[in-house]
Amino acid sequence: AEKIPAPNNTFDRVFFFAGFHHIQDPDKSLSECYRVLKNGGELYLILEPSCPKIFQKLFDRHTKRDEIQEKSYTRSEYRKLLQKDFSLMEFHNFTGYFNRESRRSLIYYLFLSVLPDFVINLFPCSQVIIAKK
């Protein structure tokens, strides 16, 4: 993701599926995505973990895995990273409770799925983020 083997302005869309939080140099990766997108192209960050700053340490303690390098971002951190290159951004909470890895996670996301978006923004939640070039 930090060196995409494609010419400038090649793709209409670039997708990260539950992988952006594993990128070691997010600025370089986003610049590279911007480079290969056509004008008006879209970058999709799908199922990225996100959490309000006040819950960050608690969230990281329950989600971090020692064997995998990853970084969770707050919604405002995603926004700051993306606004360097991208203009329009949409943030969508993903509260789908199917295919969750544990019973606890399934119950948590089932709970989130019945809440309105403005309340969900207060809780750790997966995000779908769309940024436009």
N, C-alpha and C. Protein backbone atom coordinates (compact mmCIF):
# COMPACT_ATOMS: atom_id res chain seq x y z
N ALA A 1 0.81 -1.20 0.00
CA ALA A 1 0.00 0.00 0.00
C ALA A 1 0.86 1.26 0.00
N GLU A 2 2.11 1.14 0.36
CA GLU A 2 2.98 2.31 0.39
C GLU A 2 3.72 2.51 -0.93
N LYS A 3 3.61 1.53 -1.83
CA LYS A 3 4.20 1.65 -3.16
C LYS A 3 3.37 0.79 -4.12
N ILE A 4 2.29 1.39 -4.62
CA ILE A 4 1.37 0.65 -5.49
C ILE A 4 1.94 0.61 -6.90
N PRO A 5 2.11 -0.59 -7.47
CA PRO A 5 2.72 -0.72 -8.80
C PRO A 5 1.71 -0.42 -9.92
N ALA A 6 1.29 0.84 -9.99
CA ALA A 6 0.34 1.27 -11.03
C ALA A 6 0.64 2.72 -11.37
N PRO A 7 0.34 3.10 -12.62
CA PRO A 7 0.56 4.51 -13.01
C PRO A 7 -0.41 5.45 -12.29
N ASN A 8 -0.09 6.73 -12.33
CA ASN A 8 -0.97 7.76 -11.78
C ASN A 8 -2.35 7.69 -12.44
N ASN A 9 -3.38 8.09 -11.69
CA ASN A 9 -4.75 8.22 -12.21
C ASN A 9 -5.25 6.96 -12.92
N THR A 10 -5.07 5.81 -12.30
CA THR A 10 -5.44 4.54 -12.91
C THR A 10 -6.80 4.02 -12.48
N PHE A 11 -7.14 4.15 -11.20
CA PHE A 11 -8.30 3.46 -10.65
C PHE A 11 -9.45 4.40 -10.28
N ASP A 12 -10.67 3.88 -10.42
CA ASP A 12 -11.85 4.61 -9.97
C ASP A 12 -12.03 4.47 -8.45
N ARG A 13 -11.62 3.33 -7.92
CA ARG A 13 -11.77 3.06 -6.49
C ARG A 13 -10.58 2.26 -5.97
N VAL A 14 -10.23 2.55 -4.72
CA VAL A 14 -9.22 1.77 -4.00
C VAL A 14 -9.87 1.33 -2.69
N PHE A 15 -9.71 0.05 -2.35
CA PHE A 15 -10.34 -0.52 -1.16
C PHE A 15 -9.32 -1.02 -0.16
N PHE A 16 -9.53 -0.71 1.10
CA PHE A 16 -8.86 -1.37 2.21
C PHE A 16 -9.97 -2.10 2.95
N PHE A 17 -9.89 -3.39 3.04
CA PHE A 17 -10.91 -4.15 3.76
C PHE A 17 -10.31 -4.62 5.08
N ALA A 18 -10.66 -3.93 6.15
CA ALA A 18 -10.19 -4.26 7.50
C ALA A 18 -8.67 -4.38 7.54
N GLY A 19 -7.99 -3.45 6.84
CA GLY A 19 -6.55 -3.55 6.78
C GLY A 19 -5.79 -2.25 7.00
N PHE A 20 -6.47 -1.11 6.89
CA PHE A 20 -5.74 0.15 7.00
C PHE A 20 -5.06 0.31 8.36
N HIS A 21 -5.67 -0.18 9.41
CA HIS A 21 -5.09 -0.04 10.74
C HIS A 21 -3.82 -0.88 10.93
N HIS A 22 -3.47 -1.68 9.92
CA HIS A 22 -2.21 -2.44 9.94
C HIS A 22 -1.08 -1.73 9.20
N ILE A 23 -1.39 -0.66 8.48
CA ILE A 23 -0.40 0.08 7.69
C ILE A 23 0.58 0.79 8.64
N GLN A 24 1.87 0.67 8.35
CA GLN A 24 2.88 1.26 9.22
C GLN A 24 3.15 2.73 8.92
N ASP A 25 2.94 3.15 7.69
CA ASP A 25 3.13 4.56 7.32
C ASP A 25 1.85 5.04 6.64
N PRO A 26 0.84 5.43 7.44
CA PRO A 26 -0.46 5.78 6.86
C PRO A 26 -0.40 6.99 5.92
N ASP A 27 0.43 7.98 6.21
CA ASP A 27 0.53 9.15 5.33
C ASP A 27 1.03 8.75 3.94
N LYS A 28 2.06 7.92 3.91
CA LYS A 28 2.62 7.47 2.64
C LYS A 28 1.60 6.62 1.88
N SER A 29 0.92 5.76 2.58
CA SER A 29 -0.07 4.89 1.96
C SER A 29 -1.23 5.70 1.37
N LEU A 30 -1.73 6.69 2.12
CA LEU A 30 -2.83 7.51 1.61
C LEU A 30 -2.40 8.35 0.42
N SER A 31 -1.17 8.87 0.45
CA SER A 31 -0.65 9.62 -0.71
C SER A 31 -0.56 8.73 -1.94
N GLU A 32 -0.18 7.50 -1.72
CA GLU A 32 -0.07 6.54 -2.83
C GLU A 32 -1.46 6.20 -3.38
N CYS A 33 -2.44 6.03 -2.50
CA CYS A 33 -3.81 5.78 -2.95
C CYS A 33 -4.32 6.98 -3.76
N TYR A 34 -4.05 8.16 -3.27
CA TYR A 34 -4.46 9.38 -3.98
C TYR A 34 -3.81 9.43 -5.37
N ARG A 35 -2.55 9.08 -5.44
CA ARG A 35 -1.81 9.12 -6.71
C ARG A 35 -2.44 8.20 -7.75
N VAL A 36 -2.85 7.00 -7.37
CA VAL A 36 -3.35 6.03 -8.35
C VAL A 36 -4.84 6.19 -8.64
N LEU A 37 -5.54 7.01 -7.85
CA LEU A 37 -6.96 7.25 -8.12
C LEU A 37 -7.14 8.29 -9.22
N LYS A 38 -8.14 8.06 -10.06
CA LYS A 38 -8.53 9.06 -11.05
C LYS A 38 -9.19 10.22 -10.34
N ASN A 39 -9.25 11.39 -10.99
CA ASN A 39 -10.00 12.52 -10.42
C ASN A 39 -11.44 12.09 -10.19
N GLY A 40 -11.96 12.37 -9.02
CA GLY A 40 -13.30 11.93 -8.65
C GLY A 40 -13.34 10.51 -8.11
N GLY A 41 -12.18 9.84 -8.08
CA GLY A 41 -12.10 8.48 -7.56
C GLY A 41 -12.33 8.42 -6.06
N GLU A 42 -12.62 7.24 -5.56
CA GLU A 42 -12.96 7.08 -4.15
C GLU A 42 -12.07 6.05 -3.47
N LEU A 43 -11.70 6.37 -2.24
CA LEU A 43 -10.97 5.47 -1.37
C LEU A 43 -11.96 4.95 -0.33
N TYR A 44 -12.04 3.64 -0.19
CA TYR A 44 -12.92 3.01 0.80
C TYR A 44 -12.08 2.35 1.88
N LEU A 45 -12.29 2.76 3.11
CA LEU A 45 -11.70 2.10 4.27
C LEU A 45 -12.85 1.34 4.93
N ILE A 46 -12.87 0.05 4.76
CA ILE A 46 -14.03 -0.76 5.15
C ILE A 46 -13.72 -1.55 6.42
N LEU A 47 -14.62 -1.46 7.39
CA LEU A 47 -14.52 -2.17 8.67
C LEU A 47 -13.25 -1.83 9.43
N GLU A 48 -12.98 -0.55 9.54
CA GLU A 48 -11.84 -0.09 10.32
C GLU A 48 -12.28 0.18 11.75
N PRO A 49 -11.53 -0.34 12.72
CA PRO A 49 -11.90 -0.08 14.12
C PRO A 49 -11.72 1.39 14.46
N SER A 50 -12.63 1.92 15.24
CA SER A 50 -12.55 3.31 15.65
C SER A 50 -13.13 3.44 17.05
N CYS A 51 -12.64 4.45 17.75
CA CYS A 51 -13.04 4.61 19.13
C CYS A 51 -12.86 6.07 19.54
N PRO A 52 -13.78 6.61 20.34
CA PRO A 52 -13.56 7.95 20.89
C PRO A 52 -12.29 7.96 21.75
N LYS A 53 -11.59 9.08 21.79
CA LYS A 53 -10.32 9.21 22.51
C LYS A 53 -10.43 8.77 23.97
N ILE A 54 -11.55 9.08 24.62
CA ILE A 54 -11.68 8.76 26.05
C ILE A 54 -11.68 7.26 26.32
N PHE A 55 -12.02 6.45 25.31
CA PHE A 55 -12.03 5.00 25.49
C PHE A 55 -10.83 4.31 24.84
N GLN A 56 -9.90 5.09 24.26
CA GLN A 56 -8.82 4.52 23.45
C GLN A 56 -8.00 3.47 24.18
N LYS A 57 -7.56 3.75 25.40
CA LYS A 57 -6.71 2.79 26.13
C LYS A 57 -7.47 1.51 26.44
N LEU A 58 -8.70 1.65 26.87
CA LEU A 58 -9.52 0.48 27.16
C LEU A 58 -9.77 -0.33 25.88
N PHE A 59 -10.09 0.36 24.81
CA PHE A 59 -10.34 -0.28 23.51
C PHE A 59 -9.09 -1.03 23.04
N ASP A 60 -7.94 -0.35 23.09
CA ASP A 60 -6.70 -0.98 22.64
C ASP A 60 -6.35 -2.20 23.49
N ARG A 61 -6.60 -2.13 24.77
CA ARG A 61 -6.29 -3.25 25.67
C ARG A 61 -7.08 -4.50 25.29
N HIS A 62 -8.31 -4.31 24.81
CA HIS A 62 -9.15 -5.45 24.46
C HIS A 62 -9.05 -5.87 23.01
N THR A 63 -8.46 -5.06 22.17
CA THR A 63 -8.41 -5.40 20.75
C THR A 63 -7.01 -5.65 20.21
N LYS A 64 -5.99 -5.11 20.84
CA LYS A 64 -4.62 -5.27 20.34
C LYS A 64 -4.16 -6.71 20.48
N ARG A 65 -3.43 -7.15 19.47
CA ARG A 65 -2.83 -8.49 19.49
C ARG A 65 -1.32 -8.31 19.39
N ASP A 66 -0.59 -8.91 20.30
CA ASP A 66 0.86 -8.73 20.34
C ASP A 66 1.54 -9.18 19.05
N GLU A 67 1.01 -10.22 18.43
CA GLU A 67 1.68 -10.79 17.25
C GLU A 67 1.40 -10.01 15.96
N ILE A 68 0.49 -9.04 16.01
CA ILE A 68 0.14 -8.27 14.82
C ILE A 68 0.30 -6.79 15.11
N GLN A 69 1.06 -6.10 14.27
CA GLN A 69 1.23 -4.66 14.46
C GLN A 69 0.01 -3.94 13.91
N GLU A 70 -0.63 -3.14 14.75
CA GLU A 70 -1.81 -2.41 14.32
C GLU A 70 -1.99 -1.15 15.15
N LYS A 71 -2.74 -0.19 14.59
CA LYS A 71 -3.02 1.05 15.31
C LYS A 71 -4.48 1.39 15.09
N SER A 72 -5.18 1.59 16.18
CA SER A 72 -6.56 2.05 16.04
C SER A 72 -6.56 3.58 16.03
N TYR A 73 -7.51 4.15 15.32
CA TYR A 73 -7.60 5.60 15.19
C TYR A 73 -8.97 6.07 15.67
N THR A 74 -9.02 7.28 16.18
CA THR A 74 -10.30 7.91 16.47
C THR A 74 -10.88 8.42 15.16
N ARG A 75 -12.15 8.77 15.15
CA ARG A 75 -12.75 9.33 13.94
C ARG A 75 -12.05 10.62 13.54
N SER A 76 -11.67 11.44 14.52
CA SER A 76 -10.98 12.70 14.18
C SER A 76 -9.58 12.42 13.64
N GLU A 77 -8.91 11.38 14.12
CA GLU A 77 -7.59 11.03 13.57
C GLU A 77 -7.72 10.54 12.13
N TYR A 78 -8.74 9.73 11.84
CA TYR A 78 -8.98 9.34 10.44
C TYR A 78 -9.20 10.58 9.58
N ARG A 79 -10.02 11.51 10.08
CA ARG A 79 -10.34 12.73 9.33
C ARG A 79 -9.05 13.53 9.05
N LYS A 80 -8.20 13.69 10.06
CA LYS A 80 -6.94 14.44 9.87
C LYS A 80 -6.03 13.76 8.85
N LEU A 81 -5.92 12.44 8.94
CA LEU A 81 -5.09 11.71 7.98
C LEU A 81 -5.60 11.90 6.56
N LEU A 82 -6.90 11.79 6.39
CA LEU A 82 -7.49 11.84 5.05
C LEU A 82 -7.53 13.24 4.46
N GLN A 83 -7.73 14.26 5.28
CA GLN A 83 -7.89 15.61 4.73
C GLN A 83 -6.62 16.17 4.12
N LYS A 84 -5.49 15.53 4.35
CA LYS A 84 -4.25 15.99 3.70
C LYS A 84 -4.34 15.84 2.18
N ASP A 85 -5.01 14.78 1.71
CA ASP A 85 -5.09 14.51 0.28
C ASP A 85 -6.51 14.52 -0.27
N PHE A 86 -7.47 14.16 0.53
CA PHE A 86 -8.84 13.96 0.03
C PHE A 86 -9.75 15.09 0.46
N SER A 87 -10.77 15.34 -0.37
CA SER A 87 -11.67 16.46 -0.06
C SER A 87 -12.91 15.99 0.67
N LEU A 88 -13.77 15.26 0.04
CA LEU A 88 -15.02 14.85 0.65
C LEU A 88 -14.85 13.53 1.39
N MET A 89 -15.42 13.46 2.59
CA MET A 89 -15.35 12.24 3.37
C MET A 89 -16.72 11.91 3.94
N GLU A 90 -17.03 10.62 3.96
CA GLU A 90 -18.24 10.14 4.61
C GLU A 90 -17.82 9.10 5.64
N PHE A 91 -18.42 9.18 6.81
CA PHE A 91 -18.17 8.21 7.86
C PHE A 91 -19.46 7.48 8.17
N HIS A 92 -19.42 6.17 8.15
CA HIS A 92 -20.60 5.35 8.43
C HIS A 92 -20.25 4.36 9.54
N ASN A 93 -21.06 4.30 10.57
CA ASN A 93 -20.88 3.29 11.60
C ASN A 93 -21.34 1.96 11.04
N PHE A 94 -20.54 0.93 11.25
CA PHE A 94 -20.93 -0.41 10.81
C PHE A 94 -21.26 -1.22 12.05
N THR A 95 -22.53 -1.51 12.23
CA THR A 95 -22.96 -2.22 13.43
C THR A 95 -23.48 -3.62 13.13
N GLY A 96 -23.17 -4.13 11.94
CA GLY A 96 -23.60 -5.48 11.61
C GLY A 96 -23.09 -6.47 12.65
N TYR A 97 -23.98 -7.27 13.18
CA TYR A 97 -23.60 -8.19 14.26
C TYR A 97 -23.37 -9.60 13.75
N PHE A 98 -23.64 -9.86 12.49
CA PHE A 98 -23.40 -11.19 11.94
C PHE A 98 -21.90 -11.37 11.71
N ASN A 99 -21.44 -12.58 11.72
CA ASN A 99 -20.03 -12.93 11.48
C ASN A 99 -19.07 -12.29 12.46
N ARG A 100 -19.47 -12.03 13.66
CA ARG A 100 -18.55 -11.50 14.67
C ARG A 100 -17.78 -12.67 15.26
N GLU A 101 -16.53 -12.40 15.69
CA GLU A 101 -15.62 -13.47 16.06
C GLU A 101 -15.89 -14.11 17.42
N SER A 102 -16.66 -13.46 18.27
CA SER A 102 -16.93 -14.04 19.59
C SER A 102 -18.35 -13.71 20.01
N ARG A 103 -18.85 -14.44 20.97
CA ARG A 103 -20.19 -14.19 21.49
C ARG A 103 -20.28 -12.79 22.09
N ARG A 104 -19.24 -12.38 22.81
CA ARG A 104 -19.21 -11.04 23.41
C ARG A 104 -19.29 -9.96 22.33
N SER A 105 -18.54 -10.12 21.27
CA SER A 105 -18.54 -9.17 20.17
C SER A 105 -19.90 -9.16 19.48
N LEU A 106 -20.48 -10.33 19.27
CA LEU A 106 -21.79 -10.42 18.65
C LEU A 106 -22.84 -9.67 19.48
N ILE A 107 -22.84 -9.86 20.78
CA ILE A 107 -23.81 -9.19 21.67
C ILE A 107 -23.57 -7.68 21.66
N TYR A 108 -22.31 -7.27 21.70
CA TYR A 108 -21.98 -5.84 21.68
C TYR A 108 -22.51 -5.18 20.41
N TYR A 109 -22.24 -5.78 19.25
CA TYR A 109 -22.68 -5.18 17.99
C TYR A 109 -24.20 -5.29 17.80
N LEU A 110 -24.81 -6.30 18.36
CA LEU A 110 -26.27 -6.38 18.36
C LEU A 110 -26.84 -5.20 19.15
N PHE A 111 -26.23 -4.91 20.30
CA PHE A 111 -26.62 -3.75 21.11
C PHE A 111 -26.45 -2.46 20.31
N LEU A 112 -25.30 -2.29 19.66
CA LEU A 112 -25.06 -1.08 18.86
C LEU A 112 -26.07 -0.92 17.73
N SER A 113 -26.48 -2.04 17.14
CA SER A 113 -27.35 -1.98 15.97
C SER A 113 -28.72 -1.37 16.26
N VAL A 114 -29.12 -1.30 17.51
CA VAL A 114 -30.43 -0.72 17.84
C VAL A 114 -30.32 0.74 18.27
N LEU A 115 -29.12 1.28 18.34
CA LEU A 115 -28.92 2.66 18.78
C LEU A 115 -28.91 3.62 17.60
N PRO A 116 -29.32 4.88 17.80
CA PRO A 116 -29.18 5.88 16.73
C PRO A 116 -27.71 6.25 16.54
N ASP A 117 -27.35 6.70 15.33
CA ASP A 117 -25.96 7.00 14.98
C ASP A 117 -25.29 7.98 15.95
N PHE A 118 -25.99 9.03 16.38
CA PHE A 118 -25.35 10.00 17.25
C PHE A 118 -24.93 9.38 18.58
N VAL A 119 -25.61 8.32 19.02
CA VAL A 119 -25.24 7.62 20.25
C VAL A 119 -24.10 6.64 19.96
N ILE A 120 -24.18 5.97 18.82
CA ILE A 120 -23.13 5.01 18.44
C ILE A 120 -21.77 5.70 18.38
N ASN A 121 -21.73 6.96 17.97
CA ASN A 121 -20.46 7.70 17.88
C ASN A 121 -19.75 7.79 19.22
N LEU A 122 -20.43 7.53 20.31
CA LEU A 122 -19.81 7.58 21.63
C LEU A 122 -19.13 6.27 22.01
N PHE A 123 -19.34 5.23 21.22
CA PHE A 123 -18.82 3.90 21.54
C PHE A 123 -17.78 3.45 20.51
N PRO A 124 -16.88 2.55 20.91
CA PRO A 124 -16.00 1.91 19.92
C PRO A 124 -16.87 1.18 18.89
N CYS A 125 -16.49 1.31 17.63
CA CYS A 125 -17.32 0.74 16.56
C CYS A 125 -16.50 0.62 15.28
N SER A 126 -16.84 -0.36 14.46
CA SER A 126 -16.23 -0.44 13.13
C SER A 126 -16.77 0.68 12.26
N GLN A 127 -15.92 1.18 11.38
CA GLN A 127 -16.28 2.28 10.49
C GLN A 127 -16.14 1.86 9.04
N VAL A 128 -16.99 2.43 8.20
CA VAL A 128 -16.78 2.42 6.77
C VAL A 128 -16.58 3.88 6.39
N ILE A 129 -15.42 4.19 5.84
CA ILE A 129 -15.05 5.56 5.52
C ILE A 129 -14.84 5.65 4.02
N ILE A 130 -15.46 6.65 3.41
CA ILE A 130 -15.31 6.87 1.97
C ILE A 130 -14.73 8.26 1.78
N ALA A 131 -13.60 8.34 1.08
CA ALA A 131 -12.94 9.62 0.81
C ALA A 131 -12.84 9.80 -0.70
N LYS A 132 -13.12 11.00 -1.15
CA LYS A 132 -13.13 11.27 -2.59
C LYS A 132 -11.97 12.18 -2.98
N LYS A 133 -11.34 11.83 -4.10
CA LYS A 133 -10.24 12.64 -4.65
C LYS A 133 -10.80 13.84 -5.35
